[in-house]
Amino acid sequence: MTTLQITLPDKLALEAQRAGLLSSQRLEKWLREQLQSQRIDELFGAIERMEAVNEPSAMSAEEMAAEIEAMRTERRANT
């Protein structure tokens, strides 16, 4: 276990203590929720970045066949 020491304004610390927010269990639960929320935010950020990438659309089978044929024709012309 790790022990943390934090500095809070007296009034806030008192209110948080009275509300039961400074117990180890409550802090652990809150930190886990915050970490999960951060991971979700990072995931959606990554998805947005991926969607922003301009990739060429996938080629159809016919387009691939045409490209292969063009490459073969070019190779034959060069030999």
Protein backbone atom coordinates (compact mmCIF):
# COMPACT_ATOMS: atom_id res chain seq x y z
CA MET A 1 0.00 0.00 0.00
CA THR A 2 1.07 3.55 -0.69
CA THR A 3 0.43 6.43 1.67
CA LEU A 4 -0.36 9.80 0.15
CA GLN A 5 -0.32 13.20 1.75
CA ILE A 6 -2.33 15.97 0.15
CA THR A 7 -2.74 19.61 1.04
CA LEU A 8 -6.25 21.07 0.95
CA PRO A 9 -7.75 24.29 2.18
CA ASP A 10 -8.98 23.76 5.76
CA LYS A 11 -12.64 24.43 4.93
CA LEU A 12 -12.64 22.00 2.01
CA ALA A 13 -10.86 19.31 4.04
CA LEU A 14 -13.38 19.68 6.86
CA GLU A 15 -16.37 19.50 4.50
CA ALA A 16 -14.92 16.51 2.68
CA GLN A 17 -14.19 14.74 5.97
CA ARG A 18 -17.72 15.38 7.26
CA ALA A 19 -19.16 14.05 4.00
CA GLY A 20 -17.07 10.89 4.31
CA LEU A 21 -15.13 11.63 1.16
CA LEU A 22 -11.67 11.26 2.65
CA SER A 23 -11.91 7.61 3.65
CA SER A 24 -9.51 5.25 1.91
CA GLN A 25 -12.40 3.31 0.41
CA ARG A 26 -14.13 6.41 -1.02
CA LEU A 27 -10.87 7.82 -2.41
CA GLU A 28 -9.98 4.49 -3.98
CA LYS A 29 -13.41 4.21 -5.60
CA TRP A 30 -13.23 7.81 -6.87
CA LEU A 31 -9.72 7.34 -8.29
CA ARG A 32 -10.73 4.13 -10.07
CA GLU A 33 -13.77 5.89 -11.57
CA GLN A 34 -11.60 8.79 -12.72
CA LEU A 35 -9.05 6.45 -14.28
CA GLN A 36 -11.82 4.56 -16.12
CA SER A 37 -13.29 7.84 -17.34
CA GLN A 38 -9.87 8.99 -18.54
CA ARG A 39 -9.32 5.72 -20.42
CA ILE A 40 -12.69 6.09 -22.12
CA ASP A 41 -11.90 9.70 -23.06
CA GLU A 42 -8.54 8.60 -24.48
CA LEU A 43 -10.23 5.81 -26.46
CA PHE A 44 -12.75 8.20 -28.01
CA GLY A 45 -9.95 10.66 -28.73
CA ALA A 46 -8.05 7.93 -30.57
CA ILE A 47 -11.17 7.00 -32.52
CA GLU A 48 -11.66 10.64 -33.53
CA ARG A 49 -8.04 10.89 -34.66
CA MET A 50 -8.39 7.69 -36.67
CA GLU A 51 -11.57 8.95 -38.32
CA ALA A 52 -9.79 12.19 -39.27
CA VAL A 53 -7.12 10.33 -41.26
CA ASN A 54 -7.78 10.56 -44.97
CA GLU A 55 -7.23 7.08 -46.28
CA PRO A 56 -8.04 6.05 -49.79
CA SER A 57 -11.16 3.96 -50.00
CA ALA A 58 -10.70 0.23 -50.29
CA MET A 59 -10.29 -1.02 -53.83
CA SER A 60 -12.88 -3.31 -55.30
CA ALA A 61 -11.83 -6.67 -56.70
CA GLU A 62 -12.24 -5.26 -60.20
CA GLU A 63 -10.01 -2.28 -59.43
CA MET A 64 -7.33 -4.57 -57.98
CA ALA A 65 -7.49 -6.81 -61.05
CA ALA A 66 -7.12 -3.76 -63.31
CA GLU A 67 -4.10 -2.53 -61.32
CA ILE A 68 -2.46 -5.96 -61.49
CA GLU A 69 -3.07 -6.15 -65.22
CA ALA A 70 -1.62 -2.65 -65.70
CA MET A 71 1.47 -3.63 -63.70
CA ARG A 72 1.92 -6.82 -65.74
CA THR A 73 1.50 -4.88 -68.99
CA GLU A 74 4.12 -2.36 -67.85
CA ARG A 75 6.55 -5.16 -66.90
CA ARG A 76 6.08 -6.86 -70.26
CA ALA A 77 6.75 -3.57 -72.06
CA ASN A 78 9.99 -3.08 -70.12
CA THR A 79 11.42 -6.54 -70.88
